[in-house]
C-alpha atoms as a PDB file:
ATOM      1  CA  MET A   1      13.723 -25.575  28.406  1.00  0.00           C
ATOM      2  CA  PRO A   2      17.403 -24.998  27.533  1.00  0.00           C
ATOM      3  CA  ARG A   3      18.338 -21.663  26.030  1.00  0.00           C
ATOM      4  CA  ASP A   4      19.928 -21.351  22.632  1.00  0.00           C
ATOM      5  CA  THR A   5      23.694 -21.080  22.535  1.00  0.00           C
ATOM      6  CA  PHE A   6      24.895 -19.111  19.537  1.00  0.00           C
ATOM      7  CA  VAL A   7      28.413 -19.843  18.337  1.00  0.00           C
ATOM      8  CA  THR A   8      30.490 -18.492  15.484  1.00  0.00           C
ATOM      9  CA  ILE A   9      32.836 -21.025  13.944  1.00  0.00           C
ATOM     10  CA  ASP A  10      35.649 -20.664  11.429  1.00  0.00           C
ATOM     11  CA  ASP A  11      35.745 -22.676   8.219  1.00  0.00           C
ATOM     12  CA  ILE A  12      36.730 -26.265   9.012  1.00  0.00           C
ATOM     13  CA  PRO A  13      38.882 -28.128   6.441  1.00  0.00           C
ATOM     14  CA  VAL A  14      37.829 -31.775   6.422  1.00  0.00           C
ATOM     15  CA  MET A  15      38.053 -35.006   4.488  1.00  0.00           C
ATOM     16  CA  TYR A  16      34.707 -36.675   3.978  1.00  0.00           C
ATOM     17  CA  VAL A  17      32.637 -39.590   2.769  1.00  0.00           C
ATOM     18  CA  ALA A  18      29.218 -38.771   1.329  1.00  0.00           C
ATOM     19  CA  GLY A  19      26.181 -40.892   1.985  1.00  0.00           C
ATOM     20  CA  GLU A  20      23.890 -42.012  -0.794  1.00  0.00           C
ATOM     21  CA  LYS A  21      21.778 -38.939  -1.566  1.00  0.00           C
ATOM     22  CA  GLY A  22      18.065 -39.623  -1.570  1.00  0.00           C
ATOM     23  CA  ARG A  23      18.202 -42.187   1.226  1.00  0.00           C
ATOM     24  CA  PRO A  24      17.057 -41.172   4.730  1.00  0.00           C
ATOM     25  CA  ILE A  25      19.825 -39.450   6.706  1.00  0.00           C
ATOM     26  CA  PRO A  26      19.700 -42.087   9.508  1.00  0.00           C
ATOM     27  CA  GLU A  27      20.619 -44.684   6.878  1.00  0.00           C
ATOM     28  CA  GLN A  28      23.341 -42.583   5.230  1.00  0.00           C
ATOM     29  CA  ALA A  29      25.217 -41.610   8.410  1.00  0.00           C
ATOM     30  CA  PRO A  30      26.398 -44.969   9.836  1.00  0.00           C
ATOM     31  CA  GLU A  31      27.519 -46.248   6.455  1.00  0.00           C
ATOM     32  CA  ALA A  32      29.409 -43.031   5.667  1.00  0.00           C
ATOM     33  CA  PHE A  33      31.180 -43.067   9.051  1.00  0.00           C
ATOM     34  CA  ARG A  34      32.162 -46.728   8.674  1.00  0.00           C
ATOM     35  CA  GLU A  35      33.736 -45.953   5.304  1.00  0.00           C
ATOM     36  CA  LEU A  36      35.441 -42.788   6.619  1.00  0.00           C
ATOM     37  CA  GLU A  37      36.942 -44.495   9.665  1.00  0.00           C
ATOM     38  CA  ALA A  38      38.015 -47.647   7.788  1.00  0.00           C
ATOM     39  CA  LYS A  39      40.709 -45.801   5.818  1.00  0.00           C
ATOM     40  CA  LEU A  40      42.106 -43.737   8.694  1.00  0.00           C
ATOM     41  CA  PRO A  41      45.198 -45.176  10.381  1.00  0.00           C
ATOM     42  CA  SER A  42      43.889 -44.001  13.773  1.00  0.00           C
ATOM     43  CA  LEU A  43      40.854 -42.152  15.107  1.00  0.00           C
ATOM     44  CA  LYS A  44      42.752 -40.832  18.108  1.00  0.00           C
ATOM     45  CA  GLY A  45      43.112 -37.066  18.197  1.00  0.00           C
ATOM     46  CA  ARG A  46      40.758 -36.473  15.261  1.00  0.00           C
ATOM     47  CA  LYS A  47      37.686 -34.236  15.359  1.00  0.00           C
ATOM     48  CA  PHE A  48      34.637 -35.710  13.665  1.00  0.00           C
ATOM     49  CA  TYR A  49      31.629 -33.977  12.175  1.00  0.00           C
ATOM     50  CA  GLY A  50      28.440 -35.097  10.499  1.00  0.00           C
ATOM     51  CA  VAL A  51      27.051 -32.619   7.996  1.00  0.00           C
ATOM     52  CA  GLU A  52      23.599 -32.677   6.409  1.00  0.00           C
ATOM     53  CA  PHE A  53      22.970 -30.395   3.469  1.00  0.00           C
ATOM     54  CA  ALA A  54      20.308 -30.629   0.791  1.00  0.00           C
ATOM     55  CA  GLY A  55      19.494 -34.267   1.558  1.00  0.00           C
ATOM     56  CA  GLU A  56      23.095 -35.480   1.560  1.00  0.00           C
ATOM     57  CA  TYR A  57      24.958 -36.598   4.674  1.00  0.00           C
ATOM     58  CA  ARG A  58      28.738 -36.254   4.906  1.00  0.00           C
ATOM     59  CA  ALA A  59      30.795 -38.017   7.550  1.00  0.00           C
ATOM     60  CA  CYS A  60      33.809 -35.755   8.085  1.00  0.00           C
ATOM     61  CA  ALA A  61      37.160 -35.830   9.858  1.00  0.00           C
ATOM     62  CA  ALA A  62      38.986 -32.543  10.382  1.00  0.00           C
ATOM     63  CA  ILE A  63      42.250 -32.241   8.500  1.00  0.00           C
ATOM     64  CA  ARG A  64      45.105 -31.743  10.940  1.00  0.00           C
ATOM     65  CA  GLU A  65      48.135 -29.526  10.393  1.00  0.00           C
ATOM     66  CA  ASN A  66      50.450 -32.535  10.039  1.00  0.00           C
ATOM     67  CA  ASP A  67      48.217 -34.291   7.443  1.00  0.00           C
ATOM     68  CA  ASP A  68      49.683 -34.443   3.954  1.00  0.00           C
ATOM     69  CA  PRO A  69      46.918 -33.058   1.688  1.00  0.00           C
ATOM     70  CA  SER A  70      48.169 -35.110  -1.280  1.00  0.00           C
ATOM     71  CA  SER A  71      47.817 -38.399   0.602  1.00  0.00           C
ATOM     72  CA  LEU A  72      44.424 -38.012   2.262  1.00  0.00           C
ATOM     73  CA  PRO A  73      42.364 -41.212   1.929  1.00  0.00           C
ATOM     74  CA  HIS A  74      39.172 -39.249   1.166  1.00  0.00           C
ATOM     75  CA  PRO A  75      38.176 -36.096  -0.760  1.00  0.00           C
ATOM     76  CA  ALA A  76      38.745 -32.747   0.954  1.00  0.00           C
ATOM     77  CA  TRP A  77      36.051 -30.144   1.565  1.00  0.00           C
ATOM     78  CA  VAL A  78      35.497 -27.147   3.854  1.00  0.00           C
ATOM     79  CA  ILE A  79      32.611 -26.950   6.310  1.00  0.00           C
ATOM     80  CA  PRO A  80      31.569 -23.307   5.974  1.00  0.00           C
ATOM     81  CA  GLY A  81      32.008 -21.191   9.063  1.00  0.00           C
ATOM     82  CA  GLY A  82      29.582 -18.597  10.318  1.00  0.00           C
ATOM     83  CA  LYS A  83      26.960 -18.198  13.009  1.00  0.00           C
ATOM     84  CA  TYR A  84      25.248 -21.356  14.287  1.00  0.00           C
ATOM     85  CA  VAL A  85      22.914 -22.170  17.152  1.00  0.00           C
ATOM     86  CA  ARG A  86      23.742 -25.168  19.382  1.00  0.00           C
ATOM     87  CA  ARG A  87      20.475 -26.793  20.422  1.00  0.00           C
ATOM     88  CA  PHE A  88      18.179 -29.030  18.413  1.00  0.00           C
ATOM     89  CA  GLU A  89      14.674 -28.734  19.875  1.00  0.00           C
ATOM     90  CA  ALA A  90      12.510 -26.648  17.570  1.00  0.00           C
ATOM     91  CA  LEU A  91      15.544 -24.923  16.041  1.00  0.00           C
ATOM     92  CA  VAL A  92      14.073 -24.626  12.605  1.00  0.00           C
ATOM     93  CA  LYS A  93      10.885 -23.057  13.957  1.00  0.00           C
ATOM     94  CA  GLU A  94      12.560 -20.662  16.381  1.00  0.00           C
ATOM     95  CA  ASN A  95      15.432 -19.240  14.333  1.00  0.00           C
ATOM     96  CA  ASP A  96      16.118 -17.626  10.994  1.00  0.00           C
ATOM     97  CA  ILE A  97      17.852 -20.599   9.324  1.00  0.00           C
ATOM     98  CA  ASP A  98      20.506 -19.934   6.677  1.00  0.00           C
ATOM     99  CA  PRO A  99      19.689 -22.407   3.864  1.00  0.00           C
ATOM    100  CA  ASP A 100      23.056 -21.833   2.160  1.00  0.00           C
ATOM    101  CA  ARG A 101      25.056 -23.544   4.917  1.00  0.00           C
ATOM    102  CA  PRO A 102      24.758 -27.092   6.300  1.00  0.00           C
ATOM    103  CA  PHE A 103      23.568 -28.477   9.622  1.00  0.00           C
ATOM    104  CA  ILE A 104      26.629 -29.746  11.537  1.00  0.00           C
ATOM    105  CA  GLU A 105      27.022 -32.529  14.096  1.00  0.00           C
ATOM    106  CA  TYR A 106      30.230 -32.182  16.108  1.00  0.00           C
ATOM    107  CA  TYR A 107      31.277 -35.344  17.916  1.00  0.00           C
ATOM    108  CA  ARG A 108      33.086 -33.895  20.904  1.00  0.00           C
ATOM    109  CA  SER A 109      33.505 -37.425  22.271  1.00  0.00           C
ATOM    110  CA  GLN A 110      31.773 -40.785  21.922  1.00  0.00           C
ATOM    111  CA  ARG A 111      29.262 -39.610  24.529  1.00  0.00           C
ATOM    112  CA  GLU A 112      28.843 -35.942  23.628  1.00  0.00           C
ATOM    113  CA  LEU A 113      27.363 -34.547  20.438  1.00  0.00           C
ATOM    114  CA  PHE A 114      26.666 -30.920  19.530  1.00  0.00           C
ATOM    115  CA  ILE A 115      24.152 -30.120  16.812  1.00  0.00           C
ATOM    116  CA  MET A 116      24.778 -26.771  15.143  1.00  0.00           C
ATOM    117  CA  VAL A 117      22.178 -25.214  12.881  1.00  0.00           C
ATOM    118  CA  PRO A 118      23.185 -22.336  10.571  1.00  0.00           C
ATOM    119  CA  VAL A 119      21.430 -19.069  11.357  1.00  0.00           C
ATOM    120  CA  LYS A 120      21.489 -15.667   9.724  1.00  0.00           C
END
């Protein structure tokens, strides 16, 4: 069984598209990402995150230093930093989850995904 990897991340400024709250997360995510990506001129060089918090899914793209905040195609938000654990099996049962911060999916590439769960 893999061991937990604890990471501390900084706040991450992002632009996002929210899924339809109340629908299952697996239904919200693809639709939100399609809408997010459709308005971006290019996906190259962007960091993408999926965030689930209180039944809402947000497809997010990190805001880069050269992005003009006044011309972003989507609303801005900040993924809260803090201590997270990077492993999904039985995370909720094995750790002291922080309910005030969201679960984060970090799409490191099209083939690699990290799930980070907020812990106290």
